[in-house]
Amino acid sequence: MPFGTYSNPHYLANFMISILPLIVFSFWSADSWYKWVFVIFALMDVYLLLKSGSRPAIFGLTFSSITVIFFFIKSRLKWIGLLAVVFVLGIIYVTNYGGVANHLHDLLSSLKTEERISLWKIALQMLENNSITNWIFGNGIGSYSAIYPDYSGPQFKRYFFPHFHPFGILYENGIIGFFMVFGGFTVAFVMTLRALNKSAGKNISLLLKCMLVIFMCWMIHSSLTVPFYSKYAQYPLGFILGTMLVLINQSNLPTINRTAPAGG
């Protein structure tokens, strides 16, 4: 296929942005000479990501990396990391590697007519016609794609989801479902931040930061490219939340692990 075993460049990009932070973790946590092998893997990952041409993935990875480096790394590595990210982005832009500069210029020049903007307007029209009951409880999973053809023009018939998770969840699951989903995401995010502030091991702390990058990447890229109730969104989300919860539990062990009382 054009993109390995995937039929869509966004599917390949989704895998690349999920793997790259783990490659970085493997490099920093390895103690032997073979840690430099992970640099080769990272370059291969970045190569495939740029060749995919997925703007949401590149933006998601850039934004997430800069955010985590700036807010959650306190040593001088913060400034080294930020300079490294800016340097890499500058090289990619100047060389136009993978057509990244062209993609950026195209986006900025056609922002008002970008397809996602039109799809969001359609989603808002669908939401405006909701009844009070639909606003509260939603229209049901799968209802968006069923009703969408009644609102879309011929040029947008092939799209069947709003390319923005909040709109899709709000339409299908209502306000209740919206707060359950994004409330859960907020709780997971806050729990991860609290785990970072505890006296966890170095590797656990580093992996938590990498998982935060992956989580934010997923939030941005998945929301803009795939339906929420699809395997391309739910499978990565399961691995992300599962890993984060295990790491949160591990970071809590030093404070909650106490000697069991003697039996009587």
C-alpha atoms as a PDB file:
ATOM      1  CA  MET A   1       0.000   0.000   0.000  1.00  0.00           C
ATOM      2  CA  PRO A   2       1.115   3.633  -0.363  1.00  0.00           C
ATOM      3  CA  PHE A   3       1.736   3.923   3.387  1.00  0.00           C
ATOM      4  CA  GLY A   4       3.078   0.528   4.399  1.00  0.00           C
ATOM      5  CA  THR A   5       0.293  -1.646   5.755  1.00  0.00           C
ATOM      6  CA  TYR A   6      -2.006   1.385   6.067  1.00  0.00           C
ATOM      7  CA  SER A   7      -4.306   2.817   3.420  1.00  0.00           C
ATOM      8  CA  ASN A   8      -4.290   6.323   4.897  1.00  0.00           C
ATOM      9  CA  PRO A   9      -1.283   8.546   5.754  1.00  0.00           C
ATOM     10  CA  HIS A  10      -2.902   9.613   9.038  1.00  0.00           C
ATOM     11  CA  TYR A  11      -2.968   6.002  10.257  1.00  0.00           C
ATOM     12  CA  LEU A  12       0.761   5.686   9.654  1.00  0.00           C
ATOM     13  CA  ALA A  13       1.404   9.071  11.274  1.00  0.00           C
ATOM     14  CA  ASN A  14      -0.628   8.040  14.309  1.00  0.00           C
ATOM     15  CA  PHE A  15       1.674   5.082  14.835  1.00  0.00           C
ATOM     16  CA  MET A  16       4.800   7.199  14.330  1.00  0.00           C
ATOM     17  CA  ILE A  17       3.880   9.870  16.889  1.00  0.00           C
ATOM     18  CA  SER A  18       2.951   7.164  19.403  1.00  0.00           C
ATOM     19  CA  ILE A  19       6.284   5.404  19.037  1.00  0.00           C
ATOM     20  CA  LEU A  20       8.716   8.348  18.901  1.00  0.00           C
ATOM     21  CA  PRO A  21       8.373   9.429  22.585  1.00  0.00           C
ATOM     22  CA  LEU A  22       8.964   5.805  23.629  1.00  0.00           C
ATOM     23  CA  ILE A  23      12.115   5.714  21.494  1.00  0.00           C
ATOM     24  CA  VAL A  24      13.292   8.867  23.275  1.00  0.00           C
ATOM     25  CA  PHE A  25      12.568   7.211  26.621  1.00  0.00           C
ATOM     26  CA  SER A  26      14.535   4.119  25.587  1.00  0.00           C
ATOM     27  CA  PHE A  27      17.504   6.285  24.607  1.00  0.00           C
ATOM     28  CA  TRP A  28      17.632   8.192  27.900  1.00  0.00           C
ATOM     29  CA  SER A  29      16.984   5.183  30.129  1.00  0.00           C
ATOM     30  CA  ALA A  30      19.552   2.867  28.472  1.00  0.00           C
ATOM     31  CA  ASP A  31      22.967   2.788  30.163  1.00  0.00           C
ATOM     32  CA  SER A  32      25.053   0.915  27.605  1.00  0.00           C
ATOM     33  CA  TRP A  33      26.492   1.852  24.212  1.00  0.00           C
ATOM     34  CA  TYR A  34      23.524   0.370  22.390  1.00  0.00           C
ATOM     35  CA  LYS A  35      21.463   3.398  23.415  1.00  0.00           C
ATOM     36  CA  TRP A  36      22.733   5.063  20.235  1.00  0.00           C
ATOM     37  CA  VAL A  37      20.876   2.471  18.183  1.00  0.00           C
ATOM     38  CA  PHE A  38      17.678   4.217  19.256  1.00  0.00           C
ATOM     39  CA  VAL A  39      18.884   7.366  17.457  1.00  0.00           C
ATOM     40  CA  ILE A  40      18.681   5.401  14.202  1.00  0.00           C
ATOM     41  CA  PHE A  41      15.170   4.279  15.090  1.00  0.00           C
ATOM     42  CA  ALA A  42      14.189   7.876  15.892  1.00  0.00           C
ATOM     43  CA  LEU A  43      15.480   9.117  12.535  1.00  0.00           C
ATOM     44  CA  MET A  44      13.536   6.375  10.747  1.00  0.00           C
ATOM     45  CA  ASP A  45      10.420   7.352  12.695  1.00  0.00           C
ATOM     46  CA  VAL A  46      10.762  11.043  11.847  1.00  0.00           C
ATOM     47  CA  TYR A  47      11.422  10.161   8.196  1.00  0.00           C
ATOM     48  CA  LEU A  48       8.168   8.190   7.938  1.00  0.00           C
ATOM     49  CA  LEU A  49       6.240  10.871   9.825  1.00  0.00           C
ATOM     50  CA  LEU A  50       7.387  13.616   7.466  1.00  0.00           C
ATOM     51  CA  LYS A  51       6.774  11.457   4.408  1.00  0.00           C
ATOM     52  CA  SER A  52       3.212  10.842   5.570  1.00  0.00           C
ATOM     53  CA  GLY A  53       2.554  14.572   5.262  1.00  0.00           C
ATOM     54  CA  SER A  54       0.077  14.505   8.147  1.00  0.00           C
ATOM     55  CA  ARG A  55      -0.151  18.086   9.373  1.00  0.00           C
ATOM     56  CA  PRO A  56      -2.238  17.224  12.470  1.00  0.00           C
ATOM     57  CA  ALA A  57       0.358  14.645  13.524  1.00  0.00           C
ATOM     58  CA  ILE A  58       3.313  16.987  13.026  1.00  0.00           C
ATOM     59  CA  PHE A  59       1.507  19.805  14.845  1.00  0.00           C
ATOM     60  CA  GLY A  60       0.406  17.480  17.653  1.00  0.00           C
ATOM     61  CA  LEU A  61       3.905  16.123  18.215  1.00  0.00           C
ATOM     62  CA  THR A  62       5.481  19.587  18.090  1.00  0.00           C
ATOM     63  CA  PHE A  63       2.956  21.183  20.452  1.00  0.00           C
ATOM     64  CA  SER A  64       2.999  18.273  22.918  1.00  0.00           C
ATOM     65  CA  SER A  65       6.786  18.018  23.009  1.00  0.00           C
ATOM     66  CA  ILE A  66       7.289  21.734  23.583  1.00  0.00           C
ATOM     67  CA  THR A  67       4.587  21.809  26.283  1.00  0.00           C
ATOM     68  CA  VAL A  68       6.018  18.890  28.264  1.00  0.00           C
ATOM     69  CA  ILE A  69       9.609  20.088  27.918  1.00  0.00           C
ATOM     70  CA  PHE A  70       8.758  23.632  29.002  1.00  0.00           C
ATOM     71  CA  PHE A  71       6.453  22.849  31.934  1.00  0.00           C
ATOM     72  CA  PHE A  72       7.670  19.513  33.272  1.00  0.00           C
ATOM     73  CA  ILE A  73      11.455  19.529  32.878  1.00  0.00           C
ATOM     74  CA  LYS A  74      13.121  21.716  35.482  1.00  0.00           C
ATOM     75  CA  SER A  75      16.831  21.238  34.873  1.00  0.00           C
ATOM     76  CA  ARG A  76      18.941  22.836  32.168  1.00  0.00           C
ATOM     77  CA  LEU A  77      17.776  20.013  29.925  1.00  0.00           C
ATOM     78  CA  LYS A  78      14.631  22.114  29.453  1.00  0.00           C
ATOM     79  CA  TRP A  79      16.479  24.721  27.412  1.00  0.00           C
ATOM     80  CA  ILE A  80      18.569  22.120  25.629  1.00  0.00           C
ATOM     81  CA  GLY A  81      15.415  20.257  24.667  1.00  0.00           C
ATOM     82  CA  LEU A  82      13.611  23.390  23.490  1.00  0.00           C
ATOM     83  CA  LEU A  83      16.600  24.488  21.420  1.00  0.00           C
ATOM     84  CA  ALA A  84      16.855  21.010  19.929  1.00  0.00           C
ATOM     85  CA  VAL A  85      13.179  21.038  18.917  1.00  0.00           C
ATOM     86  CA  VAL A  86      13.465  24.523  17.401  1.00  0.00           C
ATOM     87  CA  PHE A  87      16.668  23.542  15.593  1.00  0.00           C
ATOM     88  CA  VAL A  88      15.119  20.406  14.093  1.00  0.00           C
ATOM     89  CA  LEU A  89      11.983  22.277  13.038  1.00  0.00           C
ATOM     90  CA  GLY A  90      14.118  24.998  11.476  1.00  0.00           C
ATOM     91  CA  ILE A  91      16.148  22.476   9.462  1.00  0.00           C
ATOM     92  CA  ILE A  92      12.987  20.724   8.274  1.00  0.00           C
ATOM     93  CA  TYR A  93      11.397  24.026   7.272  1.00  0.00           C
ATOM     94  CA  VAL A  94      14.451  25.417   5.452  1.00  0.00           C
ATOM     95  CA  THR A  95      15.087  22.189   3.549  1.00  0.00           C
ATOM     96  CA  ASN A  96      11.345  21.638   2.960  1.00  0.00           C
ATOM     97  CA  TYR A  97      11.951  17.997   3.760  1.00  0.00           C
ATOM     98  CA  GLY A  98       8.904  15.871   3.019  1.00  0.00           C
ATOM     99  CA  GLY A  99       7.197  18.990   1.674  1.00  0.00           C
ATOM    100  CA  VAL A 100       6.510  20.204   5.219  1.00  0.00           C
ATOM    101  CA  ALA A 101       7.048  23.872   4.345  1.00  0.00           C
ATOM    102  CA  ASN A 102       4.721  23.564   1.350  1.00  0.00           C
ATOM    103  CA  HIS A 103       2.051  21.913   3.509  1.00  0.00           C
ATOM    104  CA  LEU A 104       2.326  24.743   6.028  1.00  0.00           C
ATOM    105  CA  HIS A 105       2.074  27.447   3.377  1.00  0.00           C
ATOM    106  CA  ASP A 106      -0.933  25.728   1.805  1.00  0.00           C
ATOM    107  CA  LEU A 107      -2.666  25.561   5.169  1.00  0.00           C
ATOM    108  CA  LEU A 108      -2.081  29.224   5.982  1.00  0.00           C
ATOM    109  CA  SER A 109      -3.125  30.410   2.524  1.00  0.00           C
ATOM    110  CA  SER A 110      -6.337  28.373   2.470  1.00  0.00           C
ATOM    111  CA  LEU A 111      -7.261  28.432   6.151  1.00  0.00           C
ATOM    112  CA  LYS A 112     -10.720  29.932   5.568  1.00  0.00           C
ATOM    113  CA  THR A 113     -11.583  27.278   2.977  1.00  0.00           C
ATOM    114  CA  GLU A 114      -9.911  24.366   4.779  1.00  0.00           C
ATOM    115  CA  GLU A 115     -12.099  21.265   4.683  1.00  0.00           C
ATOM    116  CA  ARG A 116     -12.167  20.831   8.451  1.00  0.00           C
ATOM    117  CA  ILE A 117     -13.530  24.351   8.932  1.00  0.00           C
ATOM    118  CA  SER A 118     -16.427  23.486   6.620  1.00  0.00           C
ATOM    119  CA  LEU A 119     -17.002  20.191   8.424  1.00  0.00           C
ATOM    120  CA  TRP A 120     -17.104  21.973  11.784  1.00  0.00           C
ATOM    121  CA  LYS A 121     -19.724  24.386  10.442  1.00  0.00           C
ATOM    122  CA  ILE A 122     -21.845  21.433   9.348  1.00  0.00           C
ATOM    123  CA  ALA A 123     -21.442  19.835  12.787  1.00  0.00           C
ATOM    124  CA  LEU A 124     -22.591  23.065  14.456  1.00  0.00           C
ATOM    125  CA  GLN A 125     -25.650  23.172  12.205  1.00  0.00           C
ATOM    126  CA  MET A 126     -26.513  19.621  13.223  1.00  0.00           C
ATOM    127  CA  LEU A 127     -26.105  20.502  16.887  1.00  0.00           C
ATOM    128  CA  GLU A 128     -28.299  23.591  16.502  1.00  0.00           C
ATOM    129  CA  ASN A 129     -31.191  21.378  15.401  1.00  0.00           C
ATOM    130  CA  ASN A 130     -30.942  19.180  18.497  1.00  0.00           C
ATOM    131  CA  SER A 131     -33.873  19.004  20.855  1.00  0.00           C
ATOM    132  CA  ILE A 132     -33.387  19.513  24.586  1.00  0.00           C
ATOM    133  CA  THR A 133     -33.427  15.746  25.073  1.00  0.00           C
ATOM    134  CA  ASN A 134     -30.822  15.249  22.359  1.00  0.00           C
ATOM    135  CA  TRP A 135     -28.618  17.912  23.911  1.00  0.00           C
ATOM    136  CA  ILE A 136     -28.722  16.107  27.248  1.00  0.00           C
ATOM    137  CA  PHE A 137     -28.615  12.443  26.213  1.00  0.00           C
ATOM    138  CA  GLY A 138     -27.375  12.626  22.632  1.00  0.00           C
ATOM    139  CA  ASN A 139     -28.669  11.001  19.464  1.00  0.00           C
ATOM    140  CA  GLY A 140     -26.890   7.677  19.956  1.00  0.00           C
ATOM    141  CA  ILE A 141     -23.587   6.248  18.760  1.00  0.00           C
ATOM    142  CA  GLY A 142     -23.532   6.124  14.970  1.00  0.00           C
ATOM    143  CA  SER A 143     -26.241   8.735  14.564  1.00  0.00           C
ATOM    144  CA  TYR A 144     -23.863  11.395  13.249  1.00  0.00           C
ATOM    145  CA  SER A 145     -22.909   9.461  10.126  1.00  0.00           C
ATOM    146  CA  ALA A 146     -26.581   8.570   9.534  1.00  0.00           C
ATOM    147  CA  ILE A 147     -27.851  12.182   9.709  1.00  0.00           C
ATOM    148  CA  TYR A 148     -24.788  13.854   8.199  1.00  0.00           C
ATOM    149  CA  PRO A 149     -25.756  13.356   4.500  1.00  0.00           C
ATOM    150  CA  ASP A 150     -28.835  15.544   5.052  1.00  0.00           C
ATOM    151  CA  TYR A 151     -26.590  18.513   5.885  1.00  0.00           C
ATOM    152  CA  SER A 152     -23.511  18.049   3.701  1.00  0.00           C
ATOM    153  CA  GLY A 153     -23.006  19.249   0.142  1.00  0.00           C
ATOM    154  CA  PRO A 154     -21.796  17.013  -2.701  1.00  0.00           C
ATOM    155  CA  GLN A 155     -18.144  17.897  -2.098  1.00  0.00           C
ATOM    156  CA  PHE A 156     -18.326  16.640   1.504  1.00  0.00           C
ATOM    157  CA  LYS A 157     -20.402  13.493   1.029  1.00  0.00           C
ATOM    158  CA  ARG A 158     -17.400  11.215   1.579  1.00  0.00           C
ATOM    159  CA  TYR A 159     -16.898  12.538   5.119  1.00  0.00           C
ATOM    160  CA  PHE A 160     -19.017  10.986   7.839  1.00  0.00           C
ATOM    161  CA  PHE A 161     -17.617  12.437  11.083  1.00  0.00           C
ATOM    162  CA  PRO A 162     -16.924  16.028  12.190  1.00  0.00           C
ATOM    163  CA  HIS A 163     -13.116  15.714  12.450  1.00  0.00           C
ATOM    164  CA  PHE A 164     -13.304  17.115  15.977  1.00  0.00           C
ATOM    165  CA  HIS A 165     -14.051  14.747  18.855  1.00  0.00           C
ATOM    166  CA  PRO A 166     -15.957  17.238  21.057  1.00  0.00           C
ATOM    167  CA  PHE A 167     -18.521  17.888  18.309  1.00  0.00           C
ATOM    168  CA  GLY A 168     -18.992  14.198  17.566  1.00  0.00           C
ATOM    169  CA  ILE A 169     -19.337  13.161  21.206  1.00  0.00           C
ATOM    170  CA  LEU A 170     -21.653  16.059  21.986  1.00  0.00           C
ATOM    171  CA  TYR A 171     -23.952  15.083  19.104  1.00  0.00           C
ATOM    172  CA  GLU A 172     -23.974  11.336  19.728  1.00  0.00           C
ATOM    173  CA  ASN A 173     -23.745  11.233  23.537  1.00  0.00           C
ATOM    174  CA  GLY A 174     -25.046  14.609  24.622  1.00  0.00           C
ATOM    175  CA  ILE A 175     -23.811  16.773  27.449  1.00  0.00           C
ATOM    176  CA  ILE A 176     -23.760  13.788  29.813  1.00  0.00           C
ATOM    177  CA  GLY A 177     -21.483  11.773  27.562  1.00  0.00           C
ATOM    178  CA  PHE A 178     -19.349  14.827  26.804  1.00  0.00           C
ATOM    179  CA  PHE A 179     -18.545  15.439  30.467  1.00  0.00           C
ATOM    180  CA  MET A 180     -18.043  11.745  31.168  1.00  0.00           C
ATOM    181  CA  VAL A 181     -15.484  11.361  28.360  1.00  0.00           C
ATOM    182  CA  PHE A 182     -13.574  14.600  28.749  1.00  0.00           C
ATOM    183  CA  GLY A 183     -13.985  14.589  32.501  1.00  0.00           C
ATOM    184  CA  GLY A 184     -12.302  11.199  32.508  1.00  0.00           C
ATOM    185  CA  PHE A 185      -9.488  12.514  30.324  1.00  0.00           C
ATOM    186  CA  THR A 186      -9.031  15.455  32.697  1.00  0.00           C
ATOM    187  CA  VAL A 187      -8.867  13.157  35.731  1.00  0.00           C
ATOM    188  CA  ALA A 188      -6.266  10.958  34.012  1.00  0.00           C
ATOM    189  CA  PHE A 189      -4.213  14.029  33.095  1.00  0.00           C
ATOM    190  CA  VAL A 190      -4.350  15.481  36.611  1.00  0.00           C
ATOM    191  CA  MET A 191      -3.471  12.121  38.172  1.00  0.00           C
ATOM    192  CA  THR A 192      -0.435  11.928  35.894  1.00  0.00           C
ATOM    193  CA  LEU A 193       0.681  15.420  36.915  1.00  0.00           C
ATOM    194  CA  ARG A 194       0.350  14.486  40.595  1.00  0.00           C
ATOM    195  CA  ALA A 195       2.360  11.334  39.999  1.00  0.00           C
ATOM    196  CA  LEU A 196       5.120  13.458  38.490  1.00  0.00           C
ATOM    197  CA  ASN A 197       5.295  15.561  41.651  1.00  0.00           C
ATOM    198  CA  LYS A 198       5.817  12.523  43.856  1.00  0.00           C
ATOM    199  CA  SER A 199       9.148  10.918  44.615  1.00  0.00           C
ATOM    200  CA  ALA A 200       8.934   8.345  41.839  1.00  0.00           C
ATOM    201  CA  GLY A 201      11.939   6.644  40.291  1.00  0.00           C
ATOM    202  CA  LYS A 202      13.792   8.404  37.512  1.00  0.00           C
ATOM    203  CA  ASN A 203      12.627   6.006  34.800  1.00  0.00           C
ATOM    204  CA  ILE A 204       8.995   6.146  35.920  1.00  0.00           C
ATOM    205  CA  SER A 205       9.075   9.938  35.937  1.00  0.00           C
ATOM    206  CA  LEU A 206      10.627  10.040  32.474  1.00  0.00           C
ATOM    207  CA  LEU A 207       8.158   7.532  31.077  1.00  0.00           C
ATOM    208  CA  LEU A 208       5.250   9.488  32.566  1.00  0.00           C
ATOM    209  CA  LYS A 209       6.432  12.594  30.714  1.00  0.00           C
ATOM    210  CA  CYS A 210       6.720  10.628  27.485  1.00  0.00           C
ATOM    211  CA  MET A 211       3.222   9.251  27.991  1.00  0.00           C
ATOM    212  CA  LEU A 212       1.928  12.784  28.490  1.00  0.00           C
ATOM    213  CA  VAL A 213       3.395  13.687  25.116  1.00  0.00           C
ATOM    214  CA  ILE A 214       1.714  10.671  23.523  1.00  0.00           C
ATOM    215  CA  PHE A 215      -1.585  11.440  25.249  1.00  0.00           C
ATOM    216  CA  MET A 216      -1.636  15.037  24.016  1.00  0.00           C
ATOM    217  CA  CYS A 217      -0.555  13.896  20.551  1.00  0.00           C
ATOM    218  CA  TRP A 218      -3.491  11.519  20.510  1.00  0.00           C
ATOM    219  CA  MET A 219      -5.890  14.238  21.671  1.00  0.00           C
ATOM    220  CA  ILE A 220      -4.878  16.521  18.799  1.00  0.00           C
ATOM    221  CA  HIS A 221      -4.184  14.114  15.949  1.00  0.00           C
ATOM    222  CA  SER A 222      -6.962  11.620  16.624  1.00  0.00           C
ATOM    223  CA  SER A 223      -9.541  14.369  17.106  1.00  0.00           C
ATOM    224  CA  LEU A 224      -8.729  15.914  13.726  1.00  0.00           C
ATOM    225  CA  THR A 225      -8.371  12.768  11.636  1.00  0.00           C
ATOM    226  CA  VAL A 226     -10.446   9.776  12.811  1.00  0.00           C
ATOM    227  CA  PRO A 227     -13.858   9.149  14.427  1.00  0.00           C
ATOM    228  CA  PHE A 228     -13.832   8.784  18.196  1.00  0.00           C
ATOM    229  CA  TYR A 229     -15.644   5.431  18.066  1.00  0.00           C
ATOM    230  CA  SER A 230     -13.189   3.762  15.705  1.00  0.00           C
ATOM    231  CA  LYS A 231     -10.377   1.286  16.220  1.00  0.00           C
ATOM    232  CA  TYR A 232      -7.862   3.893  15.063  1.00  0.00           C
ATOM    233  CA  ALA A 233      -8.839   6.065  18.037  1.00  0.00           C
ATOM    234  CA  GLN A 234      -9.837   3.529  20.682  1.00  0.00           C
ATOM    235  CA  TYR A 235      -6.955   1.058  20.372  1.00  0.00           C
ATOM    236  CA  PRO A 236      -4.230   3.700  20.888  1.00  0.00           C
ATOM    237  CA  LEU A 237      -6.299   5.289  23.662  1.00  0.00           C
ATOM    238  CA  GLY A 238      -6.503   1.947  25.464  1.00  0.00           C
ATOM    239  CA  PHE A 239      -2.732   1.489  25.383  1.00  0.00           C
ATOM    240  CA  ILE A 240      -2.139   5.089  26.454  1.00  0.00           C
ATOM    241  CA  LEU A 241      -4.533   5.115  29.422  1.00  0.00           C
ATOM    242  CA  GLY A 242      -3.558   1.597  30.487  1.00  0.00           C
ATOM    243  CA  THR A 243       0.135   2.495  30.593  1.00  0.00           C
ATOM    244  CA  MET A 244      -0.519   5.796  32.354  1.00  0.00           C
ATOM    245  CA  LEU A 245      -2.624   4.146  35.067  1.00  0.00           C
ATOM    246  CA  VAL A 246       0.041   1.512  35.719  1.00  0.00           C
ATOM    247  CA  LEU A 247       2.716   4.208  36.008  1.00  0.00           C
ATOM    248  CA  ILE A 248       0.509   6.272  38.322  1.00  0.00           C
ATOM    249  CA  ASN A 249       0.089   3.209  40.525  1.00  0.00           C
ATOM    250  CA  GLN A 250       3.837   2.597  40.528  1.00  0.00           C
ATOM    251  CA  SER A 251       4.529   6.172  41.542  1.00  0.00           C
ATOM    252  CA  ASN A 252       2.139   5.755  44.488  1.00  0.00           C
ATOM    253  CA  LEU A 253       3.738   2.578  45.807  1.00  0.00           C
ATOM    254  CA  PRO A 254       6.430   4.274  47.956  1.00  0.00           C
ATOM    255  CA  THR A 255       3.761   6.202  49.889  1.00  0.00           C
ATOM    256  CA  ILE A 256       1.004   3.587  50.215  1.00  0.00           C
ATOM    257  CA  ASN A 257       3.032   0.418  50.571  1.00  0.00           C
ATOM    258  CA  ARG A 258       3.034  -0.308  54.277  1.00  0.00           C
ATOM    259  CA  THR A 259       3.824  -3.348  56.330  1.00  0.00           C
ATOM    260  CA  ALA A 260       0.796  -5.561  56.741  1.00  0.00           C
ATOM    261  CA  PRO A 261      -0.409  -5.981  60.336  1.00  0.00           C
ATOM    262  CA  ALA A 262       0.458  -9.213  62.083  1.00  0.00           C
ATOM    263  CA  GLY A 263      -2.244 -11.829  62.057  1.00  0.00           C
ATOM    264  CA  GLY A 264      -4.032 -12.624  65.324  1.00  0.00           C
END
